[in-house]
Amino acid sequence: MRQIVLDTETTGLEPSDGHRIIEIGCVELADRRITGNTYHQYIQPEREIDAGAMEVHGITNEFLLDKPRFADIADEFLEFIRGAELIIHNAPFDVGFINHEFSLLQQRIGTLDKYCSIIDTLAMARRQHPGQRNNLDALCRRHEIDNSQRELHGALLDAEILADVYLAMTGGQASLSLDSRSEPHGEQGQAIRRLPPDRPRLRVIGASEEELRAHRTRLDAIEKACNGTSVWRRLEE
């Protein structure tokens, strides 16, 4: 399965106020492996960046003067993400901005969900950890992921960090294969260690009479509470 971890930086908070995307960062995953294939682009937004937004990501109006406009990169961006499952932290924000950019194009592209399915890791984190902080920095601390280089927000850097966070949040065996080549991140599995047929028999230690009495007393209490025969006693019959 091909997944794309995506993040954007913008001129402000609301596309309805005319704010635009100024940076897109994407990291590709294939079968739960980071492939090294990325997409990264700064964009000339054709408007000024809000001071508050500039404090978050550090991107200036002057830096973007010679960058392409979204219309110039729309085709290559869409080609990179087409058919993938997008992984986005606070997806409504980024999806709203991308759909807004699509709506400003001369050709009718439609909306993002026409081309990709979308996973919101913020909604996922809130289900896993209700009532706790679930921003990207908090998730890094929770899953012991190093984000010390993240002094400012940046679309590609945040996408790379989110890729690690997502893999940690959805951790566990990704495949039923016993082939060591299928282990995540190229980790080599250990060979099966078979015990020798002439090994000594294991010592079996039975319960003492005192332990058996305590066990029967406990079952009596369970049966009295539930007004029926306990499962453990049925097994003894």
C-alpha atoms as a PDB file:
ATOM      1  CA  MET A   1       0.000   0.000   0.000  1.00  0.00           C
ATOM      2  CA  ARG A   2       1.311   3.443  -0.943  1.00  0.00           C
ATOM      3  CA  GLN A   3       0.855   6.169   1.659  1.00  0.00           C
ATOM      4  CA  ILE A   4       1.905   9.814   1.571  1.00  0.00           C
ATOM      5  CA  VAL A   5       2.538  11.742   4.781  1.00  0.00           C
ATOM      6  CA  LEU A   6       1.685  15.358   3.931  1.00  0.00           C
ATOM      7  CA  ASP A   7       2.045  18.745   5.565  1.00  0.00           C
ATOM      8  CA  THR A   8       1.613  22.330   4.407  1.00  0.00           C
ATOM      9  CA  GLU A   9       2.570  25.797   5.591  1.00  0.00           C
ATOM     10  CA  THR A  10       0.319  28.750   4.793  1.00  0.00           C
ATOM     11  CA  THR A  11       0.077  32.541   4.876  1.00  0.00           C
ATOM     12  CA  GLY A  12      -2.572  32.375   7.611  1.00  0.00           C
ATOM     13  CA  LEU A  13      -5.301  30.289   9.163  1.00  0.00           C
ATOM     14  CA  GLU A  14      -8.335  30.557   6.878  1.00  0.00           C
ATOM     15  CA  PRO A  15      -8.550  30.032   3.099  1.00  0.00           C
ATOM     16  CA  SER A  16     -11.920  31.815   3.268  1.00  0.00           C
ATOM     17  CA  ASP A  17      -9.933  34.964   4.179  1.00  0.00           C
ATOM     18  CA  GLY A  18      -7.812  34.582   1.043  1.00  0.00           C
ATOM     19  CA  HIS A  19      -4.895  32.804   2.694  1.00  0.00           C
ATOM     20  CA  ARG A  20      -2.795  30.502   0.525  1.00  0.00           C
ATOM     21  CA  ILE A  21      -0.331  27.603   0.703  1.00  0.00           C
ATOM     22  CA  ILE A  22       3.345  28.562   0.695  1.00  0.00           C
ATOM     23  CA  GLU A  23       5.004  25.179   1.270  1.00  0.00           C
ATOM     24  CA  ILE A  24       4.111  21.537   0.658  1.00  0.00           C
ATOM     25  CA  GLY A  25       6.084  18.590   2.049  1.00  0.00           C
ATOM     26  CA  CYS A  26       5.364  14.920   1.330  1.00  0.00           C
ATOM     27  CA  VAL A  27       7.054  11.698   2.465  1.00  0.00           C
ATOM     28  CA  GLU A  28       6.236   8.395   0.790  1.00  0.00           C
ATOM     29  CA  LEU A  29       5.590   5.141   2.659  1.00  0.00           C
ATOM     30  CA  ALA A  30       5.235   1.773   0.937  1.00  0.00           C
ATOM     31  CA  ASP A  31       4.137  -1.220   2.997  1.00  0.00           C
ATOM     32  CA  ARG A  32       4.956   0.711   6.204  1.00  0.00           C
ATOM     33  CA  ARG A  33       8.461   1.587   5.046  1.00  0.00           C
ATOM     34  CA  ILE A  34       9.801   5.086   4.444  1.00  0.00           C
ATOM     35  CA  THR A  35      10.985   4.828   0.848  1.00  0.00           C
ATOM     36  CA  GLY A  36      13.100   7.994   0.706  1.00  0.00           C
ATOM     37  CA  ASN A  37      10.887   9.353  -2.067  1.00  0.00           C
ATOM     38  CA  THR A  38       9.695  12.871  -1.176  1.00  0.00           C
ATOM     39  CA  TYR A  39       7.990  15.880  -2.702  1.00  0.00           C
ATOM     40  CA  HIS A  40       8.872  19.354  -1.470  1.00  0.00           C
ATOM     41  CA  GLN A  41       7.966  22.735  -2.908  1.00  0.00           C
ATOM     42  CA  TYR A  42       7.887  26.360  -1.783  1.00  0.00           C
ATOM     43  CA  ILE A  43       5.131  28.398  -3.434  1.00  0.00           C
ATOM     44  CA  GLN A  44       4.623  32.077  -4.233  1.00  0.00           C
ATOM     45  CA  PRO A  45       1.204  32.804  -2.689  1.00  0.00           C
ATOM     46  CA  GLU A  46       0.504  36.108  -4.491  1.00  0.00           C
ATOM     47  CA  ARG A  47      -0.268  37.775  -1.161  1.00  0.00           C
ATOM     48  CA  GLU A  48       1.453  38.804   2.065  1.00  0.00           C
ATOM     49  CA  ILE A  49       2.113  36.353   4.906  1.00  0.00           C
ATOM     50  CA  ASP A  50       0.487  37.178   8.245  1.00  0.00           C
ATOM     51  CA  ALA A  51       2.980  38.105  10.964  1.00  0.00           C
ATOM     52  CA  GLY A  52       1.613  35.401  13.253  1.00  0.00           C
ATOM     53  CA  ALA A  53       2.079  32.718  10.607  1.00  0.00           C
ATOM     54  CA  MET A  54       5.619  33.929   9.907  1.00  0.00           C
ATOM     55  CA  GLU A  55       6.479  33.447  13.579  1.00  0.00           C
ATOM     56  CA  VAL A  56       5.388  29.806  13.299  1.00  0.00           C
ATOM     57  CA  HIS A  57       7.248  28.753  10.152  1.00  0.00           C
ATOM     58  CA  GLY A  58       9.827  31.526   9.629  1.00  0.00           C
ATOM     59  CA  ILE A  59       9.144  31.803   5.874  1.00  0.00           C
ATOM     60  CA  THR A  60       9.295  35.391   4.636  1.00  0.00           C
ATOM     61  CA  ASN A  61       7.632  37.193   1.748  1.00  0.00           C
ATOM     62  CA  GLU A  62      11.066  37.991   0.276  1.00  0.00           C
ATOM     63  CA  PHE A  63      12.086  34.328   0.268  1.00  0.00           C
ATOM     64  CA  LEU A  64       9.039  33.389  -1.802  1.00  0.00           C
ATOM     65  CA  LEU A  65       9.370  36.091  -4.461  1.00  0.00           C
ATOM     66  CA  ASP A  66      11.065  33.833  -7.031  1.00  0.00           C
ATOM     67  CA  LYS A  67       9.131  30.654  -6.191  1.00  0.00           C
ATOM     68  CA  PRO A  68       6.553  29.103  -8.572  1.00  0.00           C
ATOM     69  CA  ARG A  69       2.828  29.681  -8.085  1.00  0.00           C
ATOM     70  CA  PHE A  70       0.528  26.824  -7.149  1.00  0.00           C
ATOM     71  CA  ALA A  71      -0.840  26.679 -10.692  1.00  0.00           C
ATOM     72  CA  ASP A  72       2.706  25.991 -11.904  1.00  0.00           C
ATOM     73  CA  ILE A  73       3.206  22.956  -9.660  1.00  0.00           C
ATOM     74  CA  ALA A  74      -0.366  21.608  -9.410  1.00  0.00           C
ATOM     75  CA  ASP A  75       0.105  18.861 -12.013  1.00  0.00           C
ATOM     76  CA  GLU A  76       3.324  17.442 -10.549  1.00  0.00           C
ATOM     77  CA  PHE A  77       1.946  17.628  -7.011  1.00  0.00           C
ATOM     78  CA  LEU A  78      -1.241  15.835  -8.027  1.00  0.00           C
ATOM     79  CA  GLU A  79       0.742  13.205  -9.892  1.00  0.00           C
ATOM     80  CA  PHE A  80       2.838  12.508  -6.775  1.00  0.00           C
ATOM     81  CA  ILE A  81      -0.135  11.975  -4.468  1.00  0.00           C
ATOM     82  CA  ARG A  82      -2.637  10.443  -6.896  1.00  0.00           C
ATOM     83  CA  GLY A  83      -4.077   7.138  -5.675  1.00  0.00           C
ATOM     84  CA  ALA A  84      -2.247   7.222  -2.333  1.00  0.00           C
ATOM     85  CA  GLU A  85      -3.611   7.205   1.181  1.00  0.00           C
ATOM     86  CA  LEU A  86      -2.747  10.610   2.664  1.00  0.00           C
ATOM     87  CA  ILE A  87      -1.656  10.802   6.304  1.00  0.00           C
ATOM     88  CA  ILE A  88      -2.141  14.317   7.685  1.00  0.00           C
ATOM     89  CA  HIS A  89      -2.112  15.750  11.210  1.00  0.00           C
ATOM     90  CA  ASN A  90      -5.253  17.879  11.593  1.00  0.00           C
ATOM     91  CA  ALA A  91      -6.338  16.928   8.086  1.00  0.00           C
ATOM     92  CA  PRO A  92      -9.265  19.398   7.756  1.00  0.00           C
ATOM     93  CA  PHE A  93      -6.786  22.297   7.849  1.00  0.00           C
ATOM     94  CA  ASP A  94      -4.458  21.052   5.084  1.00  0.00           C
ATOM     95  CA  VAL A  95      -7.231  19.514   2.993  1.00  0.00           C
ATOM     96  CA  GLY A  96      -9.210  22.754   3.174  1.00  0.00           C
ATOM     97  CA  PHE A  97      -6.254  24.737   1.865  1.00  0.00           C
ATOM     98  CA  ILE A  98      -5.460  22.237  -0.907  1.00  0.00           C
ATOM     99  CA  ASN A  99      -9.087  22.182  -2.049  1.00  0.00           C
ATOM    100  CA  HIS A 100      -9.069  25.979  -2.036  1.00  0.00           C
ATOM    101  CA  GLU A 101      -5.977  26.014  -4.238  1.00  0.00           C
ATOM    102  CA  PHE A 102      -7.619  23.500  -6.592  1.00  0.00           C
ATOM    103  CA  SER A 103     -10.694  25.734  -6.832  1.00  0.00           C
ATOM    104  CA  LEU A 104      -8.562  28.673  -8.020  1.00  0.00           C
ATOM    105  CA  LEU A 105      -7.128  26.751 -10.971  1.00  0.00           C
ATOM    106  CA  GLN A 106      -8.538  27.263 -14.442  1.00  0.00           C
ATOM    107  CA  GLN A 107      -8.942  23.528 -15.056  1.00  0.00           C
ATOM    108  CA  ARG A 108     -11.586  21.707 -13.042  1.00  0.00           C
ATOM    109  CA  ILE A 109      -9.646  19.396 -10.749  1.00  0.00           C
ATOM    110  CA  GLY A 110     -12.278  18.863  -8.075  1.00  0.00           C
ATOM    111  CA  THR A 111     -11.446  18.101  -4.465  1.00  0.00           C
ATOM    112  CA  LEU A 112      -8.665  16.072  -2.896  1.00  0.00           C
ATOM    113  CA  ASP A 113     -10.868  13.127  -1.908  1.00  0.00           C
ATOM    114  CA  LYS A 114     -11.436  12.484  -5.623  1.00  0.00           C
ATOM    115  CA  TYR A 115      -7.815  11.319  -5.884  1.00  0.00           C
ATOM    116  CA  CYS A 116      -6.828  10.102  -2.395  1.00  0.00           C
ATOM    117  CA  SER A 117      -8.176   8.630   0.803  1.00  0.00           C
ATOM    118  CA  ILE A 118      -7.226  10.530   3.954  1.00  0.00           C
ATOM    119  CA  ILE A 119      -6.191   9.558   7.500  1.00  0.00           C
ATOM    120  CA  ASP A 120      -6.226  12.265  10.193  1.00  0.00           C
ATOM    121  CA  THR A 121      -3.583  11.411  12.805  1.00  0.00           C
ATOM    122  CA  LEU A 122      -4.917  14.094  15.153  1.00  0.00           C
ATOM    123  CA  ALA A 123      -8.330  12.371  15.270  1.00  0.00           C
ATOM    124  CA  MET A 124      -6.518   9.037  15.698  1.00  0.00           C
ATOM    125  CA  ALA A 125      -4.427  10.395  18.588  1.00  0.00           C
ATOM    126  CA  ARG A 126      -7.494  11.848  20.306  1.00  0.00           C
ATOM    127  CA  ARG A 127      -9.145   8.429  20.217  1.00  0.00           C
ATOM    128  CA  GLN A 128      -6.018   6.759  21.623  1.00  0.00           C
ATOM    129  CA  HIS A 129      -5.291   9.422  24.253  1.00  0.00           C
ATOM    130  CA  PRO A 130      -8.495  11.325  25.092  1.00  0.00           C
ATOM    131  CA  GLY A 131      -8.100  14.436  27.189  1.00  0.00           C
ATOM    132  CA  GLN A 132      -4.353  14.713  26.547  1.00  0.00           C
ATOM    133  CA  ARG A 133      -2.278  17.031  24.370  1.00  0.00           C
ATOM    134  CA  ASN A 134      -2.028  15.520  20.902  1.00  0.00           C
ATOM    135  CA  ASN A 135      -0.067  18.029  18.857  1.00  0.00           C
ATOM    136  CA  LEU A 136       2.970  16.779  16.970  1.00  0.00           C
ATOM    137  CA  ASP A 137       5.450  17.731  19.703  1.00  0.00           C
ATOM    138  CA  ALA A 138       3.377  15.933  22.357  1.00  0.00           C
ATOM    139  CA  LEU A 139       3.164  12.811  20.188  1.00  0.00           C
ATOM    140  CA  CYS A 140       6.926  12.870  19.696  1.00  0.00           C
ATOM    141  CA  ARG A 141       7.446  12.910  23.458  1.00  0.00           C
ATOM    142  CA  ARG A 142       4.861  10.158  23.958  1.00  0.00           C
ATOM    143  CA  HIS A 143       6.433   7.872  21.360  1.00  0.00           C
ATOM    144  CA  GLU A 144      10.059   8.865  22.131  1.00  0.00           C
ATOM    145  CA  ILE A 145      10.743  10.333  18.680  1.00  0.00           C
ATOM    146  CA  ASP A 146      13.549  12.876  18.406  1.00  0.00           C
ATOM    147  CA  ASN A 147      12.258  16.219  17.112  1.00  0.00           C
ATOM    148  CA  SER A 148      15.035  18.367  18.561  1.00  0.00           C
ATOM    149  CA  GLN A 149      15.722  19.907  15.134  1.00  0.00           C
ATOM    150  CA  ARG A 150      12.160  21.269  14.953  1.00  0.00           C
ATOM    151  CA  GLU A 151      12.705  24.845  16.126  1.00  0.00           C
ATOM    152  CA  LEU A 152      10.221  26.155  13.536  1.00  0.00           C
ATOM    153  CA  HIS A 153       7.460  24.436  11.599  1.00  0.00           C
ATOM    154  CA  GLY A 154       8.471  23.277   8.121  1.00  0.00           C
ATOM    155  CA  ALA A 155       6.312  21.196   5.780  1.00  0.00           C
ATOM    156  CA  LEU A 156       8.901  18.591   4.787  1.00  0.00           C
ATOM    157  CA  LEU A 157      10.465  18.309   8.249  1.00  0.00           C
ATOM    158  CA  ASP A 158       7.043  17.984   9.879  1.00  0.00           C
ATOM    159  CA  ALA A 159       6.023  15.348   7.317  1.00  0.00           C
ATOM    160  CA  GLU A 160       9.190  13.359   8.079  1.00  0.00           C
ATOM    161  CA  ILE A 161       8.497  13.561  11.828  1.00  0.00           C
ATOM    162  CA  LEU A 162       4.829  12.663  11.329  1.00  0.00           C
ATOM    163  CA  ALA A 163       5.849   9.600   9.305  1.00  0.00           C
ATOM    164  CA  ASP A 164       7.784   8.299  12.339  1.00  0.00           C
ATOM    165  CA  VAL A 165       4.899   9.218  14.659  1.00  0.00           C
ATOM    166  CA  TYR A 166       2.340   7.461  12.473  1.00  0.00           C
ATOM    167  CA  LEU A 167       4.404   4.281  12.310  1.00  0.00           C
ATOM    168  CA  ALA A 168       4.767   4.364  16.111  1.00  0.00           C
ATOM    169  CA  MET A 169       1.038   5.025  16.623  1.00  0.00           C
ATOM    170  CA  THR A 170       0.109   2.122  14.380  1.00  0.00           C
ATOM    171  CA  GLY A 171       2.977  -0.098  15.542  1.00  0.00           C
ATOM    172  CA  GLY A 172       2.991  -3.857  15.576  1.00  0.00           C
ATOM    173  CA  GLN A 173       3.481  -6.547  13.015  1.00  0.00           C
ATOM    174  CA  ALA A 174       2.730  -5.250   9.531  1.00  0.00           C
ATOM    175  CA  SER A 175       2.830  -8.654   7.867  1.00  0.00           C
ATOM    176  CA  LEU A 176       2.164 -12.290   8.715  1.00  0.00           C
ATOM    177  CA  SER A 177       5.177 -13.341   6.694  1.00  0.00           C
ATOM    178  CA  LEU A 178       7.934 -15.191   8.571  1.00  0.00           C
ATOM    179  CA  ASP A 179      10.473 -14.124   5.972  1.00  0.00           C
ATOM    180  CA  SER A 180      13.007 -11.866   7.716  1.00  0.00           C
ATOM    181  CA  ARG A 181      13.187  -9.718   4.580  1.00  0.00           C
ATOM    182  CA  SER A 182       9.667  -8.466   5.286  1.00  0.00           C
ATOM    183  CA  GLU A 183      10.527  -6.947   8.672  1.00  0.00           C
ATOM    184  CA  PRO A 184       9.848  -3.162   8.951  1.00  0.00           C
ATOM    185  CA  HIS A 185      12.796  -0.818   8.297  1.00  0.00           C
ATOM    186  CA  GLY A 186      14.927  -3.719   7.075  1.00  0.00           C
ATOM    187  CA  GLU A 187      15.374  -5.257  10.519  1.00  0.00           C
ATOM    188  CA  GLN A 188      16.465  -8.866  10.304  1.00  0.00           C
ATOM    189  CA  GLY A 189      14.348 -11.416  12.175  1.00  0.00           C
ATOM    190  CA  GLN A 190      15.967 -14.104  14.262  1.00  0.00           C
ATOM    191  CA  ALA A 191      16.017 -17.676  12.992  1.00  0.00           C
ATOM    192  CA  ILE A 192      13.727 -20.175  14.710  1.00  0.00           C
ATOM    193  CA  ARG A 193      15.602 -21.952  17.519  1.00  0.00           C
ATOM    194  CA  ARG A 194      14.504 -25.565  17.760  1.00  0.00           C
ATOM    195  CA  LEU A 195      14.899 -27.424  21.085  1.00  0.00           C
ATOM    196  CA  PRO A 196      16.841 -30.721  21.033  1.00  0.00           C
ATOM    197  CA  PRO A 197      14.613 -33.818  21.164  1.00  0.00           C
ATOM    198  CA  ASP A 198      16.648 -35.317  24.063  1.00  0.00           C
ATOM    199  CA  ARG A 199      16.210 -32.297  26.328  1.00  0.00           C
ATOM    200  CA  PRO A 200      15.256 -33.041  29.998  1.00  0.00           C
ATOM    201  CA  ARG A 201      11.528 -33.109  30.757  1.00  0.00           C
ATOM    202  CA  LEU A 202      10.179 -29.980  32.379  1.00  0.00           C
ATOM    203  CA  ARG A 203       9.478 -30.243  36.091  1.00  0.00           C
ATOM    204  CA  VAL A 204       5.757 -29.953  36.876  1.00  0.00           C
ATOM    205  CA  ILE A 205       4.909 -28.446  40.250  1.00  0.00           C
ATOM    206  CA  GLY A 206       1.348 -29.177  41.361  1.00  0.00           C
ATOM    207  CA  ALA A 207      -0.770 -26.984  43.596  1.00  0.00           C
ATOM    208  CA  SER A 208      -0.616 -27.676  47.312  1.00  0.00           C
ATOM    209  CA  GLU A 209      -3.709 -28.750  49.243  1.00  0.00           C
ATOM    210  CA  GLU A 210      -3.898 -25.291  50.805  1.00  0.00           C
ATOM    211  CA  GLU A 211      -3.817 -23.669  47.358  1.00  0.00           C
ATOM    212  CA  LEU A 212      -6.520 -26.061  46.100  1.00  0.00           C
ATOM    213  CA  ARG A 213      -8.764 -25.176  49.058  1.00  0.00           C
ATOM    214  CA  ALA A 214      -8.278 -21.450  48.355  1.00  0.00           C
ATOM    215  CA  HIS A 215      -9.112 -22.077  44.713  1.00  0.00           C
ATOM    216  CA  ARG A 216     -12.339 -23.938  45.596  1.00  0.00           C
ATOM    217  CA  THR A 217     -13.333 -21.194  48.023  1.00  0.00           C
ATOM    218  CA  ARG A 218     -12.820 -18.589  45.329  1.00  0.00           C
ATOM    219  CA  LEU A 219     -14.936 -20.538  42.830  1.00  0.00           C
ATOM    220  CA  ASP A 220     -17.704 -20.917  45.423  1.00  0.00           C
ATOM    221  CA  ALA A 221     -17.736 -17.128  45.886  1.00  0.00           C
ATOM    222  CA  ILE A 222     -17.860 -16.514  42.124  1.00  0.00           C
ATOM    223  CA  GLU A 223     -20.744 -18.960  41.648  1.00  0.00           C
ATOM    224  CA  LYS A 224     -22.666 -17.410  44.525  1.00  0.00           C
ATOM    225  CA  ALA A 225     -22.217 -13.921  43.038  1.00  0.00           C
ATOM    226  CA  CYS A 226     -23.299 -14.933  39.528  1.00  0.00           C
ATOM    227  CA  ASN A 227     -25.886 -17.535  40.596  1.00  0.00           C
ATOM    228  CA  GLY A 228     -24.449 -20.185  38.312  1.00  0.00           C
ATOM    229  CA  THR A 229     -21.618 -22.600  37.669  1.00  0.00           C
ATOM    230  CA  SER A 230     -18.269 -20.944  36.888  1.00  0.00           C
ATOM    231  CA  VAL A 231     -16.404 -21.715  33.694  1.00  0.00           C
ATOM    232  CA  TRP A 232     -13.397 -22.988  35.674  1.00  0.00           C
ATOM    233  CA  ARG A 233     -15.489 -25.551  37.538  1.00  0.00           C
ATOM    234  CA  ARG A 234     -16.990 -26.793  34.274  1.00  0.00           C
ATOM    235  CA  LEU A 235     -13.481 -27.429  33.042  1.00  0.00           C
ATOM    236  CA  GLU A 236     -12.786 -29.560  36.115  1.00  0.00           C
ATOM    237  CA  GLU A 237     -15.847 -31.720  35.519  1.00  0.00           C
END
